[in-house]
Amino acid sequence: MNTLRLAGVLLFAFMGVAVDFSSYLLSVISDALFISALVFIVWSPLMTGVEKK
């Protein structure tokens, strides 16, 4: 599952950079979407790790 999570983070990071070369409005919207998805993907395991301790 961690490998899949890492692949998702890398995919979203690549897509965020790729969309930056398109229109400005699309770039802003996609950056907000991708950053929120990255935060969700990374934040979830961190919070479950804290709760287990």
PDB file of N, CA and C in Angstrom:
ATOM      1  N   MET A   1       0.829  -1.204   0.000  1.00  0.00           N
ATOM      2  CA  MET A   1       0.000   0.000   0.000  1.00  0.00           C
ATOM      3  C   MET A   1       0.864   1.255   0.000  1.00  0.00           C
ATOM      4  N   ASN A   2       2.006   1.216   0.704  1.00  0.00           N
ATOM      5  CA  ASN A   2       2.884   2.387   0.725  1.00  0.00           C
ATOM      6  C   ASN A   2       3.469   2.676  -0.649  1.00  0.00           C
ATOM      7  N   THR A   3       3.757   1.628  -1.416  1.00  0.00           N
ATOM      8  CA  THR A   3       4.278   1.829  -2.767  1.00  0.00           C
ATOM      9  C   THR A   3       3.225   2.487  -3.653  1.00  0.00           C
ATOM     10  N   LEU A   4       1.987   2.053  -3.502  1.00  0.00           N
ATOM     11  CA  LEU A   4       0.897   2.650  -4.272  1.00  0.00           C
ATOM     12  C   LEU A   4       0.687   4.106  -3.866  1.00  0.00           C
ATOM     13  N   ARG A   5       0.797   4.385  -2.587  1.00  0.00           N
ATOM     14  CA  ARG A   5       0.641   5.758  -2.090  1.00  0.00           C
ATOM     15  C   ARG A   5       1.757   6.653  -2.648  1.00  0.00           C
ATOM     16  N   LEU A   6       2.992   6.150  -2.652  1.00  0.00           N
ATOM     17  CA  LEU A   6       4.116   6.912  -3.198  1.00  0.00           C
ATOM     18  C   LEU A   6       3.933   7.150  -4.693  1.00  0.00           C
ATOM     19  N   ALA A   7       3.459   6.145  -5.407  1.00  0.00           N
ATOM     20  CA  ALA A   7       3.209   6.305  -6.843  1.00  0.00           C
ATOM     21  C   ALA A   7       2.136   7.363  -7.088  1.00  0.00           C
ATOM     22  N   GLY A   8       1.116   7.398  -6.243  1.00  0.00           N
ATOM     23  CA  GLY A   8       0.071   8.414  -6.367  1.00  0.00           C
ATOM     24  C   GLY A   8       0.603   9.812  -6.137  1.00  0.00           C
ATOM     25  N   VAL A   9       1.463   9.959  -5.129  1.00  0.00           N
ATOM     26  CA  VAL A   9       2.063  11.266  -4.850  1.00  0.00           C
ATOM     27  C   VAL A   9       2.908  11.727  -6.026  1.00  0.00           C
ATOM     28  N   LEU A  10       3.721  10.835  -6.561  1.00  0.00           N
ATOM     29  CA  LEU A  10       4.568  11.200  -7.697  1.00  0.00           C
ATOM     30  C   LEU A  10       3.732  11.531  -8.935  1.00  0.00           C
ATOM     31  N   LEU A  11       2.659  10.793  -9.149  1.00  0.00           N
ATOM     32  CA  LEU A  11       1.780  11.069 -10.288  1.00  0.00           C
ATOM     33  C   LEU A  11       1.124  12.438 -10.158  1.00  0.00           C
ATOM     34  N   PHE A  12       0.605  12.757  -8.968  1.00  0.00           N
ATOM     35  CA  PHE A  12      -0.026  14.060  -8.766  1.00  0.00           C
ATOM     36  C   PHE A  12       0.992  15.188  -8.885  1.00  0.00           C
ATOM     37  N   ALA A  13       2.211  14.976  -8.397  1.00  0.00           N
ATOM     38  CA  ALA A  13       3.245  16.003  -8.519  1.00  0.00           C
ATOM     39  C   ALA A  13       3.582  16.246  -9.991  1.00  0.00           C
ATOM     40  N   PHE A  14       3.722  15.175 -10.764  1.00  0.00           N
ATOM     41  CA  PHE A  14       4.006  15.317 -12.193  1.00  0.00           C
ATOM     42  C   PHE A  14       2.860  16.022 -12.912  1.00  0.00           C
ATOM     43  N   MET A  15       1.622  15.650 -12.584  1.00  0.00           N
ATOM     44  CA  MET A  15       0.474  16.271 -13.241  1.00  0.00           C
ATOM     45  C   MET A  15       0.383  17.753 -12.892  1.00  0.00           C
ATOM     46  N   GLY A  16       0.726  18.105 -11.657  1.00  0.00           N
ATOM     47  CA  GLY A  16       0.723  19.518 -11.262  1.00  0.00           C
ATOM     48  C   GLY A  16       1.711  20.329 -12.077  1.00  0.00           C
ATOM     49  N   VAL A  17       2.885  19.770 -12.323  1.00  0.00           N
ATOM     50  CA  VAL A  17       3.892  20.468 -13.123  1.00  0.00           C
ATOM     51  C   VAL A  17       3.471  20.513 -14.590  1.00  0.00           C
ATOM     52  N   ALA A  18       2.913  19.425 -15.099  1.00  0.00           N
ATOM     53  CA  ALA A  18       2.521  19.368 -16.509  1.00  0.00           C
ATOM     54  C   ALA A  18       1.405  20.361 -16.825  1.00  0.00           C
ATOM     55  N   VAL A  19       0.454  20.533 -15.926  1.00  0.00           N
ATOM     56  CA  VAL A  19      -0.667  21.433 -16.182  1.00  0.00           C
ATOM     57  C   VAL A  19      -0.232  22.889 -16.078  1.00  0.00           C
ATOM     58  N   ASP A  20       0.851  23.169 -15.364  1.00  0.00           N
ATOM     59  CA  ASP A  20       1.333  24.544 -15.246  1.00  0.00           C
ATOM     60  C   ASP A  20       1.694  25.154 -16.598  1.00  0.00           C
ATOM     61  N   PHE A  21       1.913  24.336 -17.603  1.00  0.00           N
ATOM     62  CA  PHE A  21       2.264  24.856 -18.916  1.00  0.00           C
ATOM     63  C   PHE A  21       1.032  25.147 -19.770  1.00  0.00           C
ATOM     64  N   SER A  22      -0.150  24.952 -19.202  1.00  0.00           N
ATOM     65  CA  SER A  22      -1.377  25.279 -19.931  1.00  0.00           C
ATOM     66  C   SER A  22      -1.878  26.643 -19.472  1.00  0.00           C
ATOM     67  N   SER A  23      -3.144  26.907 -19.604  1.00  0.00           N
ATOM     68  CA  SER A  23      -3.689  28.228 -19.290  1.00  0.00           C
ATOM     69  C   SER A  23      -3.557  28.555 -17.801  1.00  0.00           C
ATOM     70  N   TYR A  24      -3.592  29.838 -17.488  1.00  0.00           N
ATOM     71  CA  TYR A  24      -3.382  30.308 -16.115  1.00  0.00           C
ATOM     72  C   TYR A  24      -4.500  29.847 -15.186  1.00  0.00           C
ATOM     73  N   LEU A  25      -5.754  29.990 -15.608  1.00  0.00           N
ATOM     74  CA  LEU A  25      -6.885  29.602 -14.760  1.00  0.00           C
ATOM     75  C   LEU A  25      -6.883  28.100 -14.505  1.00  0.00           C
ATOM     76  N   LEU A  26      -6.637  27.319 -15.544  1.00  0.00           N
ATOM     77  CA  LEU A  26      -6.565  25.873 -15.383  1.00  0.00           C
ATOM     78  C   LEU A  26      -5.422  25.502 -14.453  1.00  0.00           C
ATOM     79  N   SER A  27      -4.326  26.229 -14.536  1.00  0.00           N
ATOM     80  CA  SER A  27      -3.180  25.971 -13.674  1.00  0.00           C
ATOM     81  C   SER A  27      -3.527  26.205 -12.209  1.00  0.00           C
ATOM     82  N   VAL A  28      -4.214  27.294 -11.913  1.00  0.00           N
ATOM     83  CA  VAL A  28      -4.578  27.607 -10.526  1.00  0.00           C
ATOM     84  C   VAL A  28      -5.545  26.564  -9.977  1.00  0.00           C
ATOM     85  N   ILE A  29      -6.545  26.208 -10.757  1.00  0.00           N
ATOM     86  CA  ILE A  29      -7.537  25.223 -10.312  1.00  0.00           C
ATOM     87  C   ILE A  29      -6.882  23.857 -10.110  1.00  0.00           C
ATOM     88  N   SER A  30      -6.073  23.449 -11.053  1.00  0.00           N
ATOM     89  CA  SER A  30      -5.446  22.133 -10.943  1.00  0.00           C
ATOM     90  C   SER A  30      -4.439  22.089  -9.803  1.00  0.00           C
ATOM     91  N   ASP A  31      -3.700  23.176  -9.589  1.00  0.00           N
ATOM     92  CA  ASP A  31      -2.763  23.201  -8.465  1.00  0.00           C
ATOM     93  C   ASP A  31      -3.494  23.055  -7.140  1.00  0.00           C
ATOM     94  N   ALA A  32      -4.621  23.721  -6.988  1.00  0.00           N
ATOM     95  CA  ALA A  32      -5.398  23.592  -5.754  1.00  0.00           C
ATOM     96  C   ALA A  32      -5.893  22.157  -5.578  1.00  0.00           C
ATOM     97  N   LEU A  33      -6.367  21.551  -6.656  1.00  0.00           N
ATOM     98  CA  LEU A  33      -6.846  20.176  -6.589  1.00  0.00           C
ATOM     99  C   LEU A  33      -5.712  19.209  -6.264  1.00  0.00           C
ATOM    100  N   PHE A  34      -4.598  19.345  -6.964  1.00  0.00           N
ATOM    101  CA  PHE A  34      -3.495  18.415  -6.769  1.00  0.00           C
ATOM    102  C   PHE A  34      -2.847  18.573  -5.398  1.00  0.00           C
ATOM    103  N   ILE A  35      -2.708  19.796  -4.925  1.00  0.00           N
ATOM    104  CA  ILE A  35      -2.110  20.005  -3.607  1.00  0.00           C
ATOM    105  C   ILE A  35      -3.013  19.436  -2.523  1.00  0.00           C
ATOM    106  N   SER A  36      -4.315  19.629  -2.651  1.00  0.00           N
ATOM    107  CA  SER A  36      -5.220  19.057  -1.648  1.00  0.00           C
ATOM    108  C   SER A  36      -5.192  17.529  -1.696  1.00  0.00           C
ATOM    109  N   ALA A  37      -5.076  16.952  -2.879  1.00  0.00           N
ATOM    110  CA  ALA A  37      -4.974  15.495  -2.988  1.00  0.00           C
ATOM    111  C   ALA A  37      -3.666  14.997  -2.388  1.00  0.00           C
ATOM    112  N   LEU A  38      -2.569  15.707  -2.636  1.00  0.00           N
ATOM    113  CA  LEU A  38      -1.289  15.323  -2.044  1.00  0.00           C
ATOM    114  C   LEU A  38      -1.340  15.392  -0.528  1.00  0.00           C
ATOM    115  N   VAL A  39      -1.935  16.451  -0.002  1.00  0.00           N
ATOM    116  CA  VAL A  39      -2.052  16.581   1.451  1.00  0.00           C
ATOM    117  C   VAL A  39      -2.879  15.429   2.011  1.00  0.00           C
ATOM    118  N   PHE A  40      -3.973  15.078   1.350  1.00  0.00           N
ATOM    119  CA  PHE A  40      -4.806  13.970   1.818  1.00  0.00           C
ATOM    120  C   PHE A  40      -4.039  12.652   1.783  1.00  0.00           C
ATOM    121  N   ILE A  41      -3.315  12.406   0.687  1.00  0.00           N
ATOM    122  CA  ILE A  41      -2.577  11.149   0.543  1.00  0.00           C
ATOM    123  C   ILE A  41      -1.486  11.031   1.598  1.00  0.00           C
ATOM    124  N   VAL A  42      -0.797  12.114   1.885  1.00  0.00           N
ATOM    125  CA  VAL A  42       0.313  12.073   2.837  1.00  0.00           C
ATOM    126  C   VAL A  42      -0.185  12.210   4.274  1.00  0.00           C
ATOM    127  N   TRP A  43      -1.214  13.013   4.503  1.00  0.00           N
ATOM    128  CA  TRP A  43      -1.684  13.305   5.862  1.00  0.00           C
ATOM    129  C   TRP A  43      -2.350  12.093   6.510  1.00  0.00           C
ATOM    130  N   SER A  44      -3.087  11.304   5.748  1.00  0.00           N
ATOM    131  CA  SER A  44      -3.818  10.164   6.307  1.00  0.00           C
ATOM    132  C   SER A  44      -2.909   9.172   7.036  1.00  0.00           C
ATOM    133  N   PRO A  45      -1.825   8.700   6.427  1.00  0.00           N
ATOM    134  CA  PRO A  45      -0.964   7.758   7.154  1.00  0.00           C
ATOM    135  C   PRO A  45      -0.266   8.405   8.347  1.00  0.00           C
ATOM    136  N   LEU A  46       0.039   9.688   8.243  1.00  0.00           N
ATOM    137  CA  LEU A  46       0.680  10.360   9.373  1.00  0.00           C
ATOM    138  C   LEU A  46      -0.259  10.406  10.570  1.00  0.00           C
ATOM    139  N   MET A  47      -1.516  10.701  10.338  1.00  0.00           N
ATOM    140  CA  MET A  47      -2.478  10.785  11.439  1.00  0.00           C
ATOM    141  C   MET A  47      -2.785   9.408  12.026  1.00  0.00           C
ATOM    142  N   THR A  48      -2.868   8.384  11.200  1.00  0.00           N
ATOM    143  CA  THR A  48      -3.116   7.047  11.738  1.00  0.00           C
ATOM    144  C   THR A  48      -1.903   6.550  12.507  1.00  0.00           C
ATOM    145  N   GLY A  49      -0.703   6.958  12.092  1.00  0.00           N
ATOM    146  CA  GLY A  49       0.504   6.596  12.835  1.00  0.00           C
ATOM    147  C   GLY A  49       0.551   7.261  14.190  1.00  0.00           C
ATOM    148  N   VAL A  50       0.090   8.497  14.281  1.00  0.00           N
ATOM    149  CA  VAL A  50       0.065   9.221  15.552  1.00  0.00           C
ATOM    150  C   VAL A  50      -0.974   8.604  16.481  1.00  0.00           C
ATOM    151  N   GLU A  51      -2.117   8.200  15.942  1.00  0.00           N
ATOM    152  CA  GLU A  51      -3.186   7.621  16.759  1.00  0.00           C
ATOM    153  C   GLU A  51      -2.790   6.267  17.330  1.00  0.00           C
ATOM    154  N   LYS A  52      -1.950   5.512  16.622  1.00  0.00           N
ATOM    155  CA  LYS A  52      -1.537   4.187  17.094  1.00  0.00           C
ATOM    156  C   LYS A  52      -0.567   4.270  18.264  1.00  0.00           C
ATOM    157  N   LYS A  53       0.139   5.385  18.394  1.00  0.00           N
ATOM    158  CA  LYS A  53       1.147   5.501  19.455  1.00  0.00           C
ATOM    159  C   LYS A  53       0.557   5.715  20.795  1.00  0.00           C
TER     160      LYS A  53
END
